PDB file of N, CA and C in Angstrom:
ATOM      1  N   MET A   1       0.779  -1.380  -0.068  1.00  0.00           N
ATOM      2  CA  MET A   1       0.081  -0.050   0.054  1.00  0.00           C
ATOM      3  C   MET A   1       1.026   1.294  -0.110  1.00  0.00           C
ATOM      4  N   ARG A   2       0.645   2.197  -0.877  1.00  0.00           N
ATOM      5  CA  ARG A   2       1.334   3.523  -0.903  1.00  0.00           C
ATOM      6  C   ARG A   2       1.286   4.424   0.420  1.00  0.00           C
ATOM      7  N   THR A   3       2.184   5.038   0.688  1.00  0.00           N
ATOM      8  CA  THR A   3       2.182   5.867   1.828  1.00  0.00           C
ATOM      9  C   THR A   3       2.374   7.167   1.467  1.00  0.00           C
ATOM     10  N   VAL A   4       1.257   8.301   2.012  1.00  0.00           N
ATOM     11  CA  VAL A   4       1.240   9.507   1.379  1.00  0.00           C
ATOM     12  C   VAL A   4       1.366  10.495   2.692  1.00  0.00           C
ATOM     13  N   GLY A   5       2.062  11.551   2.557  1.00  0.00           N
ATOM     14  CA  GLY A   5       2.186  12.273   3.591  1.00  0.00           C
ATOM     15  C   GLY A   5       1.443  13.724   3.158  1.00  0.00           C
ATOM     16  N   PHE A   6       0.676  14.295   4.192  1.00  0.00           N
ATOM     17  CA  PHE A   6       0.076  15.585   3.763  1.00  0.00           C
ATOM     18  C   PHE A   6       0.680  16.648   4.592  1.00  0.00           C
ATOM     19  N   VAL A   7       1.197  17.693   3.890  1.00  0.00           N
ATOM     20  CA  VAL A   7       1.787  18.994   4.600  1.00  0.00           C
ATOM     21  C   VAL A   7       0.899  20.101   4.348  1.00  0.00           C
ATOM     22  N   GLY A   8       0.540  20.817   5.182  1.00  0.00           N
ATOM     23  CA  GLY A   8      -0.164  22.298   4.996  1.00  0.00           C
ATOM     24  C   GLY A   8      -1.801  21.923   4.589  1.00  0.00           C
ATOM     25  N   TRP A   9      -2.123  20.868   5.272  1.00  0.00           N
ATOM     26  CA  TRP A   9      -3.670  20.426   5.038  1.00  0.00           C
ATOM     27  C   TRP A   9      -4.496  21.377   5.748  1.00  0.00           C
ATOM     28  N   ARG A  10      -4.033  22.265   6.635  1.00  0.00           N
ATOM     29  CA  ARG A  10      -5.115  23.091   7.396  1.00  0.00           C
ATOM     30  C   ARG A  10      -5.381  24.439   6.718  1.00  0.00           C
ATOM     31  N   GLY A  11      -4.462  24.881   5.631  1.00  0.00           N
ATOM     32  CA  GLY A  11      -4.765  26.059   5.117  1.00  0.00           C
ATOM     33  C   GLY A  11      -6.032  26.234   4.014  1.00  0.00           C
ATOM     34  N   MET A  12      -6.119  27.358   3.410  1.00  0.00           N
ATOM     35  CA  MET A  12      -7.230  27.321   2.477  1.00  0.00           C
ATOM     36  C   MET A  12      -7.255  26.265   1.422  1.00  0.00           C
ATOM     37  N   VAL A  13      -5.977  26.010   0.556  1.00  0.00           N
ATOM     38  CA  VAL A  13      -5.917  24.989  -0.248  1.00  0.00           C
ATOM     39  C   VAL A  13      -5.845  23.579   0.385  1.00  0.00           C
ATOM     40  N   GLY A  14      -5.361  23.268   1.445  1.00  0.00           N
ATOM     41  CA  GLY A  14      -5.116  22.033   1.999  1.00  0.00           C
ATOM     42  C   GLY A  14      -6.586  21.531   2.370  1.00  0.00           C
ATOM     43  N   SER A  15      -7.198  22.498   3.022  1.00  0.00           N
ATOM     44  CA  SER A  15      -8.413  22.050   3.721  1.00  0.00           C
ATOM     45  C   SER A  15      -9.576  21.544   2.716  1.00  0.00           C
ATOM     46  N   VAL A  16      -9.602  22.399   1.379  1.00  0.00           N
ATOM     47  CA  VAL A  16     -10.335  22.080   0.280  1.00  0.00           C
ATOM     48  C   VAL A  16     -10.266  20.653   0.005  1.00  0.00           C
ATOM     49  N   LEU A  17      -8.702  20.544  -0.105  1.00  0.00           N
ATOM     50  CA  LEU A  17      -8.372  19.238  -0.773  1.00  0.00           C
ATOM     51  C   LEU A  17      -8.754  17.973   0.242  1.00  0.00           C
ATOM     52  N   MET A  18      -8.680  18.239   1.577  1.00  0.00           N
ATOM     53  CA  MET A  18      -8.821  17.351   2.634  1.00  0.00           C
ATOM     54  C   MET A  18     -10.566  17.062   2.351  1.00  0.00           C
ATOM     55  N   GLU A  19     -11.428  18.028   2.354  1.00  0.00           N
ATOM     56  CA  GLU A  19     -12.860  18.009   2.226  1.00  0.00           C
ATOM     57  C   GLU A  19     -13.110  17.079   1.062  1.00  0.00           C
ATOM     58  N   ARG A  20     -12.672  17.330  -0.079  1.00  0.00           N
ATOM     59  CA  ARG A  20     -12.691  16.784  -1.199  1.00  0.00           C
ATOM     60  C   ARG A  20     -12.515  15.209  -1.195  1.00  0.00           C
ATOM     61  N   MET A  21     -11.412  15.022  -0.498  1.00  0.00           N
ATOM     62  CA  MET A  21     -10.945  13.534  -0.439  1.00  0.00           C
ATOM     63  C   MET A  21     -11.750  12.582   0.539  1.00  0.00           C
ATOM     64  N   ARG A  22     -12.283  13.408   1.770  1.00  0.00           N
ATOM     65  CA  ARG A  22     -13.189  12.857   2.525  1.00  0.00           C
ATOM     66  C   ARG A  22     -14.567  12.337   1.828  1.00  0.00           C
ATOM     67  N   ILE A  23     -14.945  13.397   1.004  1.00  0.00           N
ATOM     68  CA  ILE A  23     -16.298  13.030   0.268  1.00  0.00           C
ATOM     69  C   ILE A  23     -16.033  11.896  -0.682  1.00  0.00           C
ATOM     70  N   GLU A  24     -15.143  11.698  -1.430  1.00  0.00           N
ATOM     71  CA  GLU A  24     -14.676  10.906  -2.315  1.00  0.00           C
ATOM     72  C   GLU A  24     -14.279   9.595  -1.725  1.00  0.00           C
ATOM     73  N   GLN A  25     -14.005   9.562  -0.358  1.00  0.00           N
ATOM     74  CA  GLN A  25     -13.548   8.269   0.432  1.00  0.00           C
ATOM     75  C   GLN A  25     -12.105   8.016  -0.141  1.00  0.00           C
ATOM     76  N   ASP A  26     -11.229   8.949  -0.489  1.00  0.00           N
ATOM     77  CA  ASP A  26      -9.909   8.508  -0.947  1.00  0.00           C
ATOM     78  C   ASP A  26      -9.084   8.133   0.034  1.00  0.00           C
ATOM     79  N   PHE A  27      -9.226   8.304   1.278  1.00  0.00           N
ATOM     80  CA  PHE A  27      -8.392   7.969   2.309  1.00  0.00           C
ATOM     81  C   PHE A  27      -8.296   6.393   2.558  1.00  0.00           C
ATOM     82  N   GLN A  28      -9.285   5.663   1.885  1.00  0.00           N
ATOM     83  CA  GLN A  28      -9.407   4.264   2.045  1.00  0.00           C
ATOM     84  C   GLN A  28      -8.460   3.601   1.203  1.00  0.00           C
ATOM     85  N   HIS A  29      -7.700   4.307   0.293  1.00  0.00           N
ATOM     86  CA  HIS A  29      -6.802   3.715  -0.852  1.00  0.00           C
ATOM     87  C   HIS A  29      -5.515   3.604  -0.602  1.00  0.00           C
ATOM     88  N   PHE A  30      -4.920   4.299   0.672  1.00  0.00           N
ATOM     89  CA  PHE A  30      -3.530   4.342   0.881  1.00  0.00           C
ATOM     90  C   PHE A  30      -3.113   4.581   2.261  1.00  0.00           C
ATOM     91  N   ALA A  31      -2.014   4.302   2.800  1.00  0.00           N
ATOM     92  CA  ALA A  31      -1.696   4.782   4.351  1.00  0.00           C
ATOM     93  C   ALA A  31      -1.434   6.296   4.230  1.00  0.00           C
ATOM     94  N   PHE A  32      -1.701   7.036   5.238  1.00  0.00           N
ATOM     95  CA  PHE A  32      -1.414   8.578   5.326  1.00  0.00           C
ATOM     96  C   PHE A  32      -1.048   8.901   6.568  1.00  0.00           C
ATOM     97  N   THR A  33      -0.470  10.023   6.517  1.00  0.00           N
ATOM     98  CA  THR A  33       0.179  10.795   7.762  1.00  0.00           C
ATOM     99  C   THR A  33       0.285  12.120   7.503  1.00  0.00           C
ATOM    100  N   PHE A  34      -0.282  12.815   8.530  1.00  0.00           N
ATOM    101  CA  PHE A  34      -0.347  14.277   8.390  1.00  0.00           C
ATOM    102  C   PHE A  34       0.813  14.918   9.291  1.00  0.00           C
ATOM    103  N   PHE A  35       1.522  15.855   8.440  1.00  0.00           N
ATOM    104  CA  PHE A  35       2.555  16.678   9.013  1.00  0.00           C
ATOM    105  C   PHE A  35       2.156  17.951   9.227  1.00  0.00           C
ATOM    106  N   SER A  36       2.838  18.621  10.105  1.00  0.00           N
ATOM    107  CA  SER A  36       2.635  20.127  10.382  1.00  0.00           C
ATOM    108  C   SER A  36       3.889  20.767  10.662  1.00  0.00           C
ATOM    109  N   THR A  37       4.130  22.046  10.456  1.00  0.00           N
ATOM    110  CA  THR A  37       5.282  22.841  10.711  1.00  0.00           C
ATOM    111  C   THR A  37       5.110  23.471  12.215  1.00  0.00           C
ATOM    112  N   SER A  38       3.881  23.364  12.752  1.00  0.00           N
ATOM    113  CA  SER A  38       3.678  24.187  13.837  1.00  0.00           C
ATOM    114  C   SER A  38       2.636  23.381  14.828  1.00  0.00           C
ATOM    115  N   GLN A  39       2.215  22.169  14.586  1.00  0.00           N
ATOM    116  CA  GLN A  39       1.250  21.616  15.481  1.00  0.00           C
ATOM    117  C   GLN A  39       1.654  20.058  15.622  1.00  0.00           C
ATOM    118  N   ALA A  40       2.777  19.685  15.660  1.00  0.00           N
ATOM    119  CA  ALA A  40       3.247  18.157  15.481  1.00  0.00           C
ATOM    120  C   ALA A  40       2.683  17.682  17.124  1.00  0.00           C
ATOM    121  N   GLY A  41       2.216  16.543  17.283  1.00  0.00           N
ATOM    122  CA  GLY A  41       2.075  16.028  18.158  1.00  0.00           C
ATOM    123  C   GLY A  41       0.607  16.088  18.930  1.00  0.00           C
ATOM    124  N   GLN A  42      -0.172  16.914  17.912  1.00  0.00           N
ATOM    125  CA  GLN A  42      -1.564  17.054  18.274  1.00  0.00           C
ATOM    126  C   GLN A  42      -2.344  16.181  17.380  1.00  0.00           C
ATOM    127  N   LYS A  43      -3.802  16.158  17.657  1.00  0.00           N
ATOM    128  CA  LYS A  43      -4.761  15.251  16.954  1.00  0.00           C
ATOM    129  C   LYS A  43      -4.641  15.588  15.508  1.00  0.00           C
ATOM    130  N   GLY A  44      -4.750  14.795  14.532  1.00  0.00           N
ATOM    131  CA  GLY A  44      -4.978  15.012  13.070  1.00  0.00           C
ATOM    132  C   GLY A  44      -6.383  15.086  12.761  1.00  0.00           C
ATOM    133  N   PRO A  45      -6.585  15.504  11.498  1.00  0.00           N
ATOM    134  CA  PRO A  45      -8.076  15.797  10.913  1.00  0.00           C
ATOM    135  C   PRO A  45      -8.604  14.414  11.068  1.00  0.00           C
ATOM    136  N   ASP A  46     -10.061  14.695  11.104  1.00  0.00           N
ATOM    137  CA  ASP A  46     -10.943  13.438  11.020  1.00  0.00           C
ATOM    138  C   ASP A  46     -11.266  13.214   9.528  1.00  0.00           C
ATOM    139  N   VAL A  47     -10.626  12.205   9.128  1.00  0.00           N
ATOM    140  CA  VAL A  47     -10.830  11.517   7.757  1.00  0.00           C
ATOM    141  C   VAL A  47     -11.678  10.198   7.767  1.00  0.00           C
ATOM    142  N   GLY A  48     -12.271   9.969   8.905  1.00  0.00           N
ATOM    143  CA  GLY A  48     -13.135   8.855   8.933  1.00  0.00           C
ATOM    144  C   GLY A  48     -12.546   7.569   9.312  1.00  0.00           C
ATOM    145  N   GLN A  49     -11.193   7.603   9.594  1.00  0.00           N
ATOM    146  CA  GLN A  49     -10.456   6.611  10.181  1.00  0.00           C
ATOM    147  C   GLN A  49      -9.884   6.595  11.425  1.00  0.00           C
ATOM    148  N   ALA A  50      -9.025   5.938  11.963  1.00  0.00           N
ATOM    149  CA  ALA A  50      -8.334   5.974  13.439  1.00  0.00           C
ATOM    150  C   ALA A  50      -7.708   7.503  13.407  1.00  0.00           C
ATOM    151  N   ASP A  51      -8.032   7.913  14.758  1.00  0.00           N
ATOM    152  CA  ASP A  51      -7.215   9.182  15.108  1.00  0.00           C
ATOM    153  C   ASP A  51      -5.801   8.938  15.154  1.00  0.00           C
ATOM    154  N   LEU A  52      -5.144   9.990  14.525  1.00  0.00           N
ATOM    155  CA  LEU A  52      -3.706   9.756  14.314  1.00  0.00           C
ATOM    156  C   LEU A  52      -3.034  11.160  14.776  1.00  0.00           C
ATOM    157  N   LEU A  53      -1.909  11.035  15.253  1.00  0.00           N
ATOM    158  CA  LEU A  53      -1.294  12.237  15.736  1.00  0.00           C
ATOM    159  C   LEU A  53      -0.519  12.939  14.653  1.00  0.00           C
ATOM    160  N   VAL A  54      -0.574  14.235  14.692  1.00  0.00           N
ATOM    161  CA  VAL A  54       0.346  14.893  13.373  1.00  0.00           C
ATOM    162  C   VAL A  54       1.674  14.898  13.838  1.00  0.00           C
ATOM    163  N   GLU A  55       2.496  14.653  12.688  1.00  0.00           N
ATOM    164  CA  GLU A  55       3.994  14.625  12.985  1.00  0.00           C
ATOM    165  C   GLU A  55       4.713  15.819  12.529  1.00  0.00           C
ATOM    166  N   ASP A  56       5.962  16.081  12.721  1.00  0.00           N
ATOM    167  CA  ASP A  56       6.711  17.212  12.481  1.00  0.00           C
ATOM    168  C   ASP A  56       7.135  17.254  11.087  1.00  0.00           C
ATOM    169  N   ALA A  57       6.707  18.253  10.358  1.00  0.00           N
ATOM    170  CA  ALA A  57       6.951  18.558   8.998  1.00  0.00           C
ATOM    171  C   ALA A  57       8.528  18.759   8.565  1.00  0.00           C
ATOM    172  N   TYR A  58       9.312  18.983   9.463  1.00  0.00           N
ATOM    173  CA  TYR A  58      10.691  19.243   9.291  1.00  0.00           C
ATOM    174  C   TYR A  58      11.447  17.930   9.731  1.00  0.00           C
ATOM    175  N   ASP A  59      10.830  16.823   9.848  1.00  0.00           N
ATOM    176  CA  ASP A  59      11.436  15.464  10.298  1.00  0.00           C
ATOM    177  C   ASP A  59      11.780  14.847   8.832  1.00  0.00           C
ATOM    178  N   LEU A  60      12.933  14.930   8.381  1.00  0.00           N
ATOM    179  CA  LEU A  60      13.219  14.446   7.114  1.00  0.00           C
ATOM    180  C   LEU A  60      13.120  13.001   7.022  1.00  0.00           C
ATOM    181  N   LYS A  61      13.580  12.225   8.037  1.00  0.00           N
ATOM    182  CA  LYS A  61      13.448  10.770   8.051  1.00  0.00           C
ATOM    183  C   LYS A  61      11.996  10.397   7.883  1.00  0.00           C
ATOM    184  N   ARG A  62      11.011  10.948   8.554  1.00  0.00           N
ATOM    185  CA  ARG A  62       9.567  10.583   8.502  1.00  0.00           C
ATOM    186  C   ARG A  62       9.219  10.904   6.995  1.00  0.00           C
ATOM    187  N   LEU A  63       9.497  12.182   6.454  1.00  0.00           N
ATOM    188  CA  LEU A  63       9.122  12.423   5.389  1.00  0.00           C
ATOM    189  C   LEU A  63       9.608  11.505   4.127  1.00  0.00           C
ATOM    190  N   ALA A  64      10.782  10.959   4.227  1.00  0.00           N
ATOM    191  CA  ALA A  64      11.528  10.037   3.465  1.00  0.00           C
ATOM    192  C   ALA A  64      10.784   8.811   3.368  1.00  0.00           C
ATOM    193  N   ALA A  65      10.137   8.390   4.515  1.00  0.00           N
ATOM    194  CA  ALA A  65       9.420   7.279   4.440  1.00  0.00           C
ATOM    195  C   ALA A  65       8.010   7.181   3.637  1.00  0.00           C
ATOM    196  N   MET A  66       7.622   8.215   3.170  1.00  0.00           N
ATOM    197  CA  MET A  66       6.536   8.491   2.441  1.00  0.00           C
ATOM    198  C   MET A  66       6.896   8.284   0.865  1.00  0.00           C
ATOM    199  N   ASP A  67       5.920   7.308   0.188  1.00  0.00           N
ATOM    200  CA  ASP A  67       5.976   7.275  -1.215  1.00  0.00           C
ATOM    201  C   ASP A  67       5.675   8.652  -1.918  1.00  0.00           C
ATOM    202  N   ILE A  68       4.732   9.260  -1.528  1.00  0.00           N
ATOM    203  CA  ILE A  68       4.309  10.658  -1.824  1.00  0.00           C
ATOM    204  C   ILE A  68       4.023  11.793  -0.908  1.00  0.00           C
ATOM    205  N   VAL A  69       4.591  12.784  -1.028  1.00  0.00           N
ATOM    206  CA  VAL A  69       4.280  14.040  -0.124  1.00  0.00           C
ATOM    207  C   VAL A  69       3.722  15.068  -0.895  1.00  0.00           C
ATOM    208  N   VAL A  70       2.260  15.330  -0.348  1.00  0.00           N
ATOM    209  CA  VAL A  70       1.335  16.303  -0.958  1.00  0.00           C
ATOM    210  C   VAL A  70       1.526  17.593   0.117  1.00  0.00           C
ATOM    211  N   SER A  71       2.143  18.587  -0.639  1.00  0.00           N
ATOM    212  CA  SER A  71       2.392  19.651   0.278  1.00  0.00           C
ATOM    213  C   SER A  71       1.589  21.031  -0.422  1.00  0.00           C
ATOM    214  N   CYS A  72       0.791  21.533   0.550  1.00  0.00           N
ATOM    215  CA  CYS A  72       0.030  22.704   0.317  1.00  0.00           C
ATOM    216  C   CYS A  72       0.595  23.758   1.546  1.00  0.00           C
ATOM    217  N   GLN A  73       1.728  23.637   1.861  1.00  0.00           N
ATOM    218  CA  GLN A  73       2.586  24.437   2.892  1.00  0.00           C
ATOM    219  C   GLN A  73       3.080  25.747   2.165  1.00  0.00           C
ATOM    220  N   GLY A  74       3.580  25.737   0.845  1.00  0.00           N
ATOM    221  CA  GLY A  74       3.983  26.851   0.178  1.00  0.00           C
ATOM    222  C   GLY A  74       5.378  26.728  -0.115  1.00  0.00           C
ATOM    223  N   GLY A  75       5.846  27.778  -0.912  1.00  0.00           N
ATOM    224  CA  GLY A  75       7.136  27.617  -1.547  1.00  0.00           C
ATOM    225  C   GLY A  75       8.289  27.711  -0.598  1.00  0.00           C
ATOM    226  N   ASP A  76       8.319  28.467   0.496  1.00  0.00           N
ATOM    227  CA  ASP A  76       9.474  28.397   1.422  1.00  0.00           C
ATOM    228  C   ASP A  76       9.673  27.102   1.963  1.00  0.00           C
ATOM    229  N   TYR A  77       8.704  26.371   2.340  1.00  0.00           N
ATOM    230  CA  TYR A  77       8.800  25.054   2.909  1.00  0.00           C
ATOM    231  C   TYR A  77       9.399  23.948   1.934  1.00  0.00           C
ATOM    232  N   THR A  78       8.957  24.239   0.903  1.00  0.00           N
ATOM    233  CA  THR A  78       9.455  23.279   0.002  1.00  0.00           C
ATOM    234  C   THR A  78      10.674  23.607  -0.506  1.00  0.00           C
ATOM    235  N   GLN A  79      11.224  24.806  -0.757  1.00  0.00           N
ATOM    236  CA  GLN A  79      12.705  25.117  -0.872  1.00  0.00           C
ATOM    237  C   GLN A  79      13.477  24.762   0.219  1.00  0.00           C
ATOM    238  N   ALA A  80      12.942  24.630   1.488  1.00  0.00           N
ATOM    239  CA  ALA A  80      13.835  24.171   2.666  1.00  0.00           C
ATOM    240  C   ALA A  80      13.883  22.576   2.829  1.00  0.00           C
ATOM    241  N   CYS A  81      12.860  21.758   2.415  1.00  0.00           N
ATOM    242  CA  CYS A  81      12.806  20.675   2.581  1.00  0.00           C
ATOM    243  C   CYS A  81      13.173  19.728   1.325  1.00  0.00           C
ATOM    244  N   TYR A  82      12.277  19.920   0.203  1.00  0.00           N
ATOM    245  CA  TYR A  82      12.444  19.223  -0.917  1.00  0.00           C
ATOM    246  C   TYR A  82      14.066  18.760  -1.238  1.00  0.00           C
ATOM    247  N   PRO A  83      14.799  19.774  -1.440  1.00  0.00           N
ATOM    248  CA  PRO A  83      16.367  19.463  -1.982  1.00  0.00           C
ATOM    249  C   PRO A  83      16.940  18.530  -1.024  1.00  0.00           C
ATOM    250  N   GLN A  84      16.696  18.776   0.292  1.00  0.00           N
ATOM    251  CA  GLN A  84      17.225  17.724   1.312  1.00  0.00           C
ATOM    252  C   GLN A  84      16.590  16.293   1.120  1.00  0.00           C
ATOM    253  N   LEU A  85      15.579  16.274   0.893  1.00  0.00           N
ATOM    254  CA  LEU A  85      14.899  14.878   0.490  1.00  0.00           C
ATOM    255  C   LEU A  85      15.588  14.263  -0.481  1.00  0.00           C
ATOM    256  N   ARG A  86      15.689  14.824  -1.679  1.00  0.00           N
ATOM    257  CA  ARG A  86      16.242  14.418  -2.849  1.00  0.00           C
ATOM    258  C   ARG A  86      17.896  14.091  -2.377  1.00  0.00           C
ATOM    259  N   GLN A  87      18.576  14.885  -1.812  1.00  0.00           N
ATOM    260  CA  GLN A  87      19.994  14.599  -1.635  1.00  0.00           C
ATOM    261  C   GLN A  87      20.325  13.403  -0.561  1.00  0.00           C
ATOM    262  N   SER A  88      19.115  13.094   0.177  1.00  0.00           N
ATOM    263  CA  SER A  88      19.215  11.848   1.127  1.00  0.00           C
ATOM    264  C   SER A  88      18.882  10.800   0.176  1.00  0.00           C
ATOM    265  N   GLY A  89      18.599  10.807  -0.828  1.00  0.00           N
ATOM    266  CA  GLY A  89      18.205   9.589  -1.743  1.00  0.00           C
ATOM    267  C   GLY A  89      16.660   9.239  -1.960  1.00  0.00           C
ATOM    268  N   TRP A  90      15.959  10.094  -1.467  1.00  0.00           N
ATOM    269  CA  TRP A  90      14.410   9.859  -1.482  1.00  0.00           C
ATOM    270  C   TRP A  90      13.955   9.830  -3.065  1.00  0.00           C
ATOM    271  N   LYS A  91      13.161   8.792  -3.512  1.00  0.00           N
ATOM    272  CA  LYS A  91      12.848   8.702  -4.841  1.00  0.00           C
ATOM    273  C   LYS A  91      11.497   8.945  -5.011  1.00  0.00           C
ATOM    274  N   GLY A  92      10.701   9.579  -3.955  1.00  0.00           N
ATOM    275  CA  GLY A  92       9.269   9.494  -4.001  1.00  0.00           C
ATOM    276  C   GLY A  92       8.710  10.840  -5.059  1.00  0.00           C
ATOM    277  N   TYR A  93       7.473  10.932  -4.832  1.00  0.00           N
ATOM    278  CA  TYR A  93       6.700  11.994  -5.652  1.00  0.00           C
ATOM    279  C   TYR A  93       6.419  13.058  -4.625  1.00  0.00           C
ATOM    280  N   TRP A  94       6.683  14.213  -5.014  1.00  0.00           N
ATOM    281  CA  TRP A  94       6.365  15.573  -4.243  1.00  0.00           C
ATOM    282  C   TRP A  94       5.342  16.258  -5.069  1.00  0.00           C
TER     283      TRP A  94
END
């Protein structure tokens, strides 16, 4: 099963994406982890499955464990993390 990490899911773009994915029941088709730059350790969003804690969006080892990272966080975050993931050998999709 593919693993997908979501970063920036609470903002305007991310919240619309989450709602649409809930309606379409997309979360049933992959394993997911929610990441945040400011709310690591808190309860994640309700997507109709087990409650999960939000993980640290700067934890590159955890991000590297994902097959896919969906980021709605913004360009500064991408510029800070994406190159480091690639340099570490991550072959996933951003």
